[in-house]
């Protein structure tokens, strides 16, 4: 990631996931944005919020994501799994 992409990337990972701030999704995704997950592609902020954001935070309510470094955009996702919310262990 170049220097100009560091702040938006950090905002995305730390704001959307750790801060659980749906407003950040609206600020950073466009209606043409496509997100891919195990349930298939979703288009735009509204679909992303219901098909990815709400599902993952429902399954891992104490999720914390930290951004480490800026060259390759390395990130670490941690959280406690709520049984039965998404797949089984290792299926995400």
Foldseek 3Di string as FASTA:
>chain_A
DDPVCQVLLQCCQQVVFQVVDLVNQVVNFAQADWDQDPVGIDGGSVRCCVPPSCLVCVQFVNWGKDFDDDPVRDIDIDGHGDPPSDDDPPPD
